[in-house]
N, C-alpha and C. Protein backbone atom coordinates (compact mmCIF):
# COMPACT_ATOMS: atom_id res chain seq x y z
N MET A 1 90.44 121.98 98.24
CA MET A 1 90.79 121.01 97.22
C MET A 1 89.69 119.95 97.16
N GLU A 2 89.25 119.63 95.98
CA GLU A 2 88.20 118.63 95.83
C GLU A 2 88.73 117.24 96.14
N VAL A 3 87.83 116.33 96.46
CA VAL A 3 88.20 114.96 96.75
C VAL A 3 88.32 114.21 95.43
N LEU A 4 89.34 113.40 95.31
CA LEU A 4 89.53 112.62 94.10
C LEU A 4 88.41 111.60 94.00
N GLN A 5 87.79 111.55 92.86
CA GLN A 5 86.71 110.62 92.62
C GLN A 5 87.07 109.73 91.46
N LYS A 6 86.37 108.60 91.38
CA LYS A 6 86.61 107.73 90.25
C LYS A 6 86.11 108.46 89.00
N ARG A 7 87.03 108.65 88.08
CA ARG A 7 86.70 109.34 86.84
C ARG A 7 87.16 108.46 85.69
N LYS A 8 86.48 108.57 84.60
CA LYS A 8 86.92 107.85 83.41
C LYS A 8 88.06 108.58 82.74
N ASP A 9 88.38 109.77 83.22
CA ASP A 9 89.44 110.57 82.64
C ASP A 9 90.68 110.50 83.53
N PRO A 10 91.59 109.57 83.22
CA PRO A 10 92.78 109.45 84.07
C PRO A 10 93.63 110.71 84.07
N VAL A 11 93.55 111.53 83.02
CA VAL A 11 94.31 112.77 82.96
C VAL A 11 93.83 113.72 84.05
N ALA A 12 92.52 113.80 84.27
CA ALA A 12 91.99 114.67 85.32
C ALA A 12 92.49 114.21 86.69
N ASN A 13 92.55 112.89 86.91
CA ASN A 13 93.08 112.36 88.17
C ASN A 13 94.55 112.72 88.32
N LEU A 14 95.31 112.57 87.26
CA LEU A 14 96.73 112.87 87.29
C LEU A 14 96.98 114.34 87.64
N VAL A 15 96.26 115.22 86.96
CA VAL A 15 96.41 116.66 87.22
C VAL A 15 96.02 116.97 88.66
N TYR A 16 94.94 116.35 89.13
CA TYR A 16 94.51 116.55 90.52
C TYR A 16 95.61 116.13 91.51
N LEU A 17 96.19 114.95 91.28
CA LEU A 17 97.22 114.45 92.19
C LEU A 17 98.46 115.33 92.20
N LEU A 18 98.70 116.03 91.11
CA LEU A 18 99.85 116.92 91.01
C LEU A 18 99.52 118.35 91.42
N GLY A 19 98.40 118.54 92.09
CA GLY A 19 98.06 119.84 92.65
C GLY A 19 97.01 120.61 91.89
N GLY A 20 96.46 120.03 90.83
CA GLY A 20 95.38 120.66 90.09
C GLY A 20 95.85 121.60 89.01
N ALA A 21 94.87 122.14 88.30
CA ALA A 21 95.15 123.02 87.16
C ALA A 21 95.89 124.29 87.59
N GLY A 22 95.80 124.66 88.85
CA GLY A 22 96.51 125.82 89.33
C GLY A 22 98.03 125.65 89.28
N LEU A 23 98.48 124.41 89.37
CA LEU A 23 99.92 124.13 89.29
C LEU A 23 100.33 123.57 87.94
N ILE A 24 99.44 122.83 87.31
CA ILE A 24 99.73 122.24 85.99
C ILE A 24 98.99 123.08 84.96
N HIS A 25 99.67 124.08 84.43
CA HIS A 25 99.03 125.03 83.51
C HIS A 25 98.92 124.49 82.10
N LYS A 26 99.63 123.45 81.80
CA LYS A 26 99.65 122.88 80.46
C LYS A 26 98.46 121.94 80.30
N LYS A 27 97.80 122.00 79.16
CA LYS A 27 96.73 121.06 78.85
C LYS A 27 97.36 119.71 78.54
N ILE A 28 96.89 118.69 79.22
CA ILE A 28 97.42 117.35 79.03
C ILE A 28 96.38 116.53 78.26
N LYS A 29 96.72 116.18 77.04
CA LYS A 29 95.81 115.40 76.21
C LYS A 29 96.44 114.10 75.74
N SER A 30 97.75 114.00 75.84
CA SER A 30 98.43 112.80 75.35
C SER A 30 99.72 112.58 76.13
N ALA A 31 100.33 111.44 75.88
CA ALA A 31 101.61 111.14 76.50
C ALA A 31 102.67 112.15 76.07
N PHE A 32 102.54 112.68 74.86
CA PHE A 32 103.50 113.69 74.39
C PHE A 32 103.40 114.97 75.21
N ASP A 33 102.20 115.29 75.67
CA ASP A 33 102.03 116.45 76.55
C ASP A 33 102.73 116.22 77.89
N LEU A 34 102.71 114.97 78.37
CA LEU A 34 103.41 114.64 79.62
C LEU A 34 104.92 114.75 79.43
N ILE A 35 105.40 114.36 78.25
CA ILE A 35 106.83 114.51 77.96
C ILE A 35 107.20 115.98 77.95
N SER A 36 106.37 116.77 77.31
CA SER A 36 106.61 118.22 77.27
C SER A 36 106.60 118.81 78.67
N LEU A 37 105.63 118.40 79.49
CA LEU A 37 105.55 118.87 80.87
C LEU A 37 106.81 118.48 81.65
N SER A 38 107.26 117.25 81.46
CA SER A 38 108.49 116.80 82.12
C SER A 38 109.68 117.65 81.69
N ASN A 39 109.78 117.90 80.39
CA ASN A 39 110.90 118.70 79.88
C ASN A 39 110.89 120.12 80.43
N GLU A 40 109.71 120.69 80.60
CA GLU A 40 109.60 122.03 81.18
C GLU A 40 109.85 122.01 82.68
N GLY A 41 109.54 120.88 83.30
CA GLY A 41 109.67 120.72 84.74
C GLY A 41 108.39 121.06 85.46
N ILE A 42 108.08 120.30 86.48
CA ILE A 42 106.91 120.60 87.31
C ILE A 42 107.37 121.35 88.55
N LYS A 43 106.46 122.03 89.17
CA LYS A 43 106.79 122.80 90.37
C LYS A 43 106.93 121.88 91.58
N LYS A 44 107.74 122.30 92.51
CA LYS A 44 107.91 121.53 93.75
C LYS A 44 106.57 121.35 94.45
N ALA A 45 105.68 122.32 94.33
CA ALA A 45 104.36 122.21 94.96
C ALA A 45 103.58 121.01 94.43
N SER A 46 103.83 120.62 93.18
CA SER A 46 103.18 119.42 92.63
C SER A 46 103.68 118.17 93.34
N LEU A 47 104.96 118.13 93.61
CA LEU A 47 105.53 117.03 94.39
C LEU A 47 104.89 116.97 95.77
N ASP A 48 104.78 118.12 96.41
CA ASP A 48 104.17 118.19 97.75
C ASP A 48 102.74 117.67 97.73
N ALA A 49 101.98 118.04 96.70
CA ALA A 49 100.59 117.59 96.58
C ALA A 49 100.52 116.07 96.44
N LEU A 50 101.36 115.52 95.57
CA LEU A 50 101.36 114.07 95.37
C LEU A 50 101.72 113.33 96.65
N VAL A 51 102.75 113.81 97.33
CA VAL A 51 103.19 113.17 98.58
C VAL A 51 102.05 113.16 99.60
N SER A 52 101.30 114.24 99.69
CA SER A 52 100.19 114.30 100.66
C SER A 52 99.10 113.29 100.32
N HIS A 53 98.83 113.07 99.04
CA HIS A 53 97.81 112.09 98.64
C HIS A 53 98.28 110.66 98.91
N MET A 54 99.58 110.45 98.86
CA MET A 54 100.12 109.11 99.06
C MET A 54 100.24 108.77 100.54
N GLY A 55 100.18 109.77 101.40
CA GLY A 55 100.25 109.50 102.84
C GLY A 55 101.64 109.08 103.30
N MET A 56 102.65 109.68 102.71
CA MET A 56 104.00 109.37 103.14
C MET A 56 104.74 110.67 103.42
N THR A 57 105.88 110.55 104.02
CA THR A 57 106.65 111.75 104.33
C THR A 57 107.43 112.22 103.11
N LYS A 58 107.73 113.51 103.08
CA LYS A 58 108.56 114.04 102.00
C LYS A 58 109.94 113.40 102.04
N LYS A 59 110.43 113.18 103.25
CA LYS A 59 111.75 112.57 103.42
C LYS A 59 111.78 111.19 102.76
N SER A 60 110.79 110.38 103.04
CA SER A 60 110.73 109.04 102.47
C SER A 60 110.60 109.10 100.95
N PHE A 61 109.72 109.97 100.44
CA PHE A 61 109.54 110.10 99.00
C PHE A 61 110.84 110.55 98.35
N ALA A 62 111.45 111.57 98.91
CA ALA A 62 112.69 112.11 98.33
C ALA A 62 113.80 111.07 98.32
N GLU A 63 114.02 110.45 99.45
CA GLU A 63 115.16 109.54 99.57
C GLU A 63 114.90 108.17 98.98
N ASP A 64 113.73 107.60 99.21
CA ASP A 64 113.46 106.23 98.78
C ASP A 64 113.00 106.12 97.33
N ILE A 65 112.33 107.14 96.83
CA ILE A 65 111.79 107.07 95.47
C ILE A 65 112.64 107.89 94.49
N LEU A 66 112.97 109.12 94.87
CA LEU A 66 113.70 109.99 93.96
C LEU A 66 115.23 109.91 94.14
N HIS A 67 115.67 109.29 95.21
CA HIS A 67 117.10 109.21 95.53
C HIS A 67 117.74 110.60 95.61
N LEU A 68 117.01 111.51 96.27
CA LEU A 68 117.48 112.86 96.52
C LEU A 68 117.48 113.10 98.03
N SER A 69 118.33 113.99 98.46
CA SER A 69 118.31 114.41 99.85
C SER A 69 117.06 115.24 100.11
N VAL A 70 116.39 115.00 101.21
CA VAL A 70 115.22 115.79 101.55
C VAL A 70 115.62 117.25 101.74
N LYS A 71 116.84 117.49 102.19
CA LYS A 71 117.32 118.87 102.36
C LYS A 71 117.40 119.59 101.02
N THR A 72 117.78 118.87 99.99
CA THR A 72 117.83 119.46 98.65
C THR A 72 116.43 119.93 98.24
N LEU A 73 115.43 119.10 98.48
CA LEU A 73 114.06 119.47 98.12
C LEU A 73 113.52 120.57 99.02
N GLU A 74 113.82 120.51 100.29
CA GLU A 74 113.28 121.50 101.23
C GLU A 74 113.82 122.91 100.97
N ARG A 75 114.98 123.01 100.34
CA ARG A 75 115.52 124.32 100.01
C ARG A 75 114.74 124.99 98.88
N LYS A 76 114.01 124.20 98.14
CA LYS A 76 113.23 124.74 97.01
C LYS A 76 111.91 125.31 97.50
N LYS A 77 111.48 126.39 96.87
CA LYS A 77 110.17 126.98 97.16
C LYS A 77 109.12 126.24 96.35
N GLY A 78 107.87 126.41 96.70
CA GLY A 78 106.76 125.74 96.01
C GLY A 78 106.69 126.05 94.53
N ASP A 79 107.09 127.27 94.14
CA ASP A 79 107.04 127.66 92.72
C ASP A 79 108.30 127.28 91.95
N ASP A 80 109.32 126.79 92.64
CA ASP A 80 110.54 126.38 91.95
C ASP A 80 110.26 125.16 91.07
N VAL A 81 110.86 125.16 89.89
CA VAL A 81 110.66 124.09 88.93
C VAL A 81 111.74 123.02 89.12
N LEU A 82 111.31 121.78 89.12
CA LEU A 82 112.23 120.65 89.26
C LEU A 82 112.83 120.29 87.90
N ASP A 83 113.96 119.61 87.91
CA ASP A 83 114.60 119.24 86.65
C ASP A 83 113.74 118.20 85.90
N LYS A 84 114.05 118.01 84.62
CA LYS A 84 113.19 117.17 83.78
C LYS A 84 113.20 115.70 84.20
N TYR A 85 114.31 115.20 84.72
CA TYR A 85 114.35 113.79 85.13
C TYR A 85 113.52 113.56 86.40
N THR A 86 113.67 114.46 87.35
CA THR A 86 112.87 114.36 88.57
C THR A 86 111.40 114.56 88.25
N SER A 87 111.10 115.53 87.41
CA SER A 87 109.71 115.79 87.00
C SER A 87 109.10 114.57 86.33
N SER A 88 109.85 113.95 85.43
CA SER A 88 109.36 112.77 84.73
C SER A 88 109.07 111.64 85.71
N HIS A 89 109.97 111.42 86.65
CA HIS A 89 109.76 110.35 87.64
C HIS A 89 108.52 110.63 88.49
N ILE A 90 108.34 111.86 88.92
CA ILE A 90 107.17 112.22 89.72
C ILE A 90 105.89 112.01 88.92
N ILE A 91 105.90 112.38 87.66
CA ILE A 91 104.72 112.19 86.80
C ILE A 91 104.41 110.70 86.65
N GLU A 92 105.44 109.88 86.48
CA GLU A 92 105.21 108.43 86.35
C GLU A 92 104.65 107.85 87.65
N VAL A 93 105.13 108.30 88.78
CA VAL A 93 104.57 107.86 90.06
C VAL A 93 103.11 108.30 90.16
N ALA A 94 102.84 109.54 89.78
CA ALA A 94 101.46 110.06 89.84
C ALA A 94 100.53 109.25 88.93
N LYS A 95 101.01 108.80 87.79
CA LYS A 95 100.19 107.98 86.89
C LYS A 95 99.78 106.67 87.57
N VAL A 96 100.72 106.04 88.25
CA VAL A 96 100.42 104.78 88.94
C VAL A 96 99.49 105.02 90.13
N VAL A 97 99.74 106.07 90.88
CA VAL A 97 98.88 106.40 92.02
C VAL A 97 97.47 106.74 91.52
N SER A 98 97.38 107.45 90.41
CA SER A 98 96.07 107.76 89.81
C SER A 98 95.33 106.47 89.46
N HIS A 99 96.05 105.52 88.89
CA HIS A 99 95.44 104.22 88.56
C HIS A 99 94.95 103.53 89.83
N ALA A 100 95.74 103.61 90.90
CA ALA A 100 95.33 103.01 92.18
C ALA A 100 94.04 103.66 92.69
N PHE A 101 93.92 104.98 92.54
CA PHE A 101 92.69 105.66 92.96
C PHE A 101 91.51 105.22 92.11
N GLU A 102 91.72 104.98 90.84
CA GLU A 102 90.65 104.50 89.97
C GLU A 102 90.19 103.11 90.38
N VAL A 103 91.13 102.27 90.82
CA VAL A 103 90.81 100.90 91.21
C VAL A 103 90.15 100.85 92.58
N PHE A 104 90.71 101.55 93.56
CA PHE A 104 90.24 101.43 94.95
C PHE A 104 89.24 102.50 95.37
N GLU A 105 89.21 103.62 94.68
CA GLU A 105 88.23 104.68 94.88
C GLU A 105 88.23 105.32 96.26
N ASP A 106 89.29 105.13 97.04
CA ASP A 106 89.33 105.65 98.40
C ASP A 106 90.78 105.90 98.79
N GLN A 107 91.06 107.09 99.30
CA GLN A 107 92.43 107.45 99.64
C GLN A 107 93.04 106.53 100.68
N LYS A 108 92.29 106.19 101.71
CA LYS A 108 92.84 105.30 102.74
C LYS A 108 93.13 103.92 102.18
N ALA A 109 92.24 103.42 101.31
CA ALA A 109 92.45 102.11 100.70
C ALA A 109 93.69 102.13 99.80
N VAL A 110 93.87 103.21 99.07
CA VAL A 110 95.06 103.34 98.21
C VAL A 110 96.32 103.34 99.07
N GLN A 111 96.33 104.17 100.10
CA GLN A 111 97.51 104.25 100.96
C GLN A 111 97.81 102.91 101.61
N GLN A 112 96.77 102.20 102.05
CA GLN A 112 96.98 100.90 102.67
C GLN A 112 97.54 99.91 101.65
N TRP A 113 96.95 99.88 100.44
CA TRP A 113 97.41 98.94 99.42
C TRP A 113 98.87 99.22 99.05
N LEU A 114 99.22 100.49 98.90
CA LEU A 114 100.59 100.85 98.52
C LEU A 114 101.61 100.42 99.57
N ASN A 115 101.18 100.30 100.82
CA ASN A 115 102.10 100.01 101.93
C ASN A 115 101.96 98.61 102.50
N THR A 116 101.31 97.71 101.76
CA THR A 116 101.12 96.34 102.21
C THR A 116 101.87 95.39 101.29
N PRO A 117 102.66 94.47 101.86
CA PRO A 117 103.34 93.49 101.01
C PRO A 117 102.33 92.77 100.11
N ASN A 118 102.75 92.55 98.87
CA ASN A 118 101.84 92.01 97.87
C ASN A 118 102.43 90.73 97.26
N ARG A 119 101.64 89.67 97.28
CA ARG A 119 102.09 88.38 96.77
C ARG A 119 102.51 88.47 95.30
N ALA A 120 101.76 89.22 94.50
CA ALA A 120 102.06 89.35 93.07
C ALA A 120 103.34 90.15 92.82
N LEU A 121 103.83 90.83 93.85
CA LEU A 121 105.06 91.62 93.73
C LEU A 121 106.18 91.01 94.58
N ASN A 122 106.14 89.70 94.71
CA ASN A 122 107.17 88.97 95.46
C ASN A 122 107.25 89.43 96.91
N GLN A 123 106.08 89.68 97.49
CA GLN A 123 105.93 90.12 98.89
C GLN A 123 106.56 91.49 99.17
N LEU A 124 106.79 92.28 98.14
CA LEU A 124 107.24 93.65 98.33
C LEU A 124 106.03 94.57 98.41
N LYS A 125 106.18 95.68 99.09
CA LYS A 125 105.14 96.70 99.10
C LYS A 125 105.18 97.41 97.75
N PRO A 126 104.04 97.71 97.15
CA PRO A 126 104.06 98.43 95.87
C PRO A 126 104.91 99.70 95.92
N ILE A 127 104.80 100.44 97.01
CA ILE A 127 105.53 101.71 97.12
C ILE A 127 107.05 101.50 97.11
N ASP A 128 107.51 100.31 97.51
CA ASP A 128 108.93 100.02 97.53
C ASP A 128 109.50 99.83 96.12
N LEU A 129 108.63 99.74 95.13
CA LEU A 129 109.07 99.57 93.74
C LEU A 129 108.99 100.86 92.94
N PHE A 130 108.59 101.94 93.58
CA PHE A 130 108.39 103.21 92.87
C PHE A 130 109.70 103.91 92.51
N TYR A 131 110.83 103.39 92.95
CA TYR A 131 112.09 104.08 92.70
C TYR A 131 112.61 103.85 91.29
N MET A 132 112.01 102.89 90.56
CA MET A 132 112.52 102.64 89.21
C MET A 132 111.36 102.39 88.23
N PRO A 133 111.58 102.71 86.97
CA PRO A 133 110.51 102.54 85.97
C PRO A 133 109.96 101.12 85.88
N THR A 134 110.82 100.13 85.96
CA THR A 134 110.36 98.74 85.89
C THR A 134 109.42 98.42 87.04
N GLY A 135 109.74 98.91 88.23
CA GLY A 135 108.88 98.69 89.39
C GLY A 135 107.54 99.37 89.23
N LEU A 136 107.53 100.59 88.71
CA LEU A 136 106.27 101.30 88.47
C LEU A 136 105.40 100.52 87.48
N THR A 137 106.01 99.98 86.45
CA THR A 137 105.27 99.19 85.47
C THR A 137 104.69 97.93 86.10
N MET A 138 105.47 97.27 86.95
CA MET A 138 104.98 96.07 87.62
C MET A 138 103.77 96.39 88.50
N VAL A 139 103.85 97.46 89.26
CA VAL A 139 102.74 97.86 90.13
C VAL A 139 101.51 98.20 89.29
N ASP A 140 101.72 98.93 88.21
CA ASP A 140 100.61 99.30 87.33
C ASP A 140 99.96 98.06 86.72
N ASN A 141 100.76 97.07 86.36
CA ASN A 141 100.21 95.82 85.83
C ASN A 141 99.36 95.09 86.85
N VAL A 142 99.81 95.06 88.10
CA VAL A 142 99.01 94.42 89.16
C VAL A 142 97.69 95.17 89.34
N LEU A 143 97.74 96.48 89.30
CA LEU A 143 96.50 97.27 89.41
C LEU A 143 95.55 96.93 88.25
N GLY A 144 96.09 96.76 87.07
CA GLY A 144 95.27 96.39 85.92
C GLY A 144 94.63 95.04 86.10
N ARG A 145 95.37 94.10 86.69
CA ARG A 145 94.80 92.77 86.94
C ARG A 145 93.70 92.84 88.01
N ILE A 146 93.91 93.64 89.02
CA ILE A 146 92.86 93.83 90.05
C ILE A 146 91.62 94.43 89.41
N GLU A 147 91.84 95.42 88.59
CA GLU A 147 90.73 96.13 87.91
C GLU A 147 89.92 95.17 87.03
N GLU A 148 90.60 94.23 86.39
CA GLU A 148 89.95 93.28 85.50
C GLU A 148 89.46 92.02 86.22
N GLY A 149 89.75 91.93 87.50
CA GLY A 149 89.28 90.78 88.27
C GLY A 149 90.12 89.53 88.07
N VAL A 150 91.35 89.68 87.58
CA VAL A 150 92.21 88.52 87.37
C VAL A 150 93.45 88.60 88.25
N TYR A 151 93.31 89.26 89.39
CA TYR A 151 94.42 89.42 90.33
C TYR A 151 94.87 88.05 90.80
N SER A 152 96.18 87.85 90.81
CA SER A 152 96.70 86.56 91.29
C SER A 152 97.65 86.77 92.44
């Protein structure tokens, strides 16, 4: 697997984080393509790939972010397709993680930033907000401020 690099193409980063073109067979050119991908469902192997890039356990991701039992996920094979709501949530998490990779350009730096309390997030760890859409948006906004040099 290639190393994620800073790319001007956030779609390429997103596909990479979800396990690459081998797992994401659909061409992603717009947000509507992501909706279509969510509706079709992504493979469990895409979840596994994202979790490995984030440096967290499957148990933590399943229970803390997806609100699913890790046993439920572990029963699924890598080629099994997840439901559209779970797929959509995983894609939204991958979008924010992709943005973090674009900002920090280093996997260890991304993992550290995601797991460090942040003043702009009311001293919460960014990863602790990944369980809901509003939290993902807040984290993405902070990344945008860091990227623009107006981090507060």
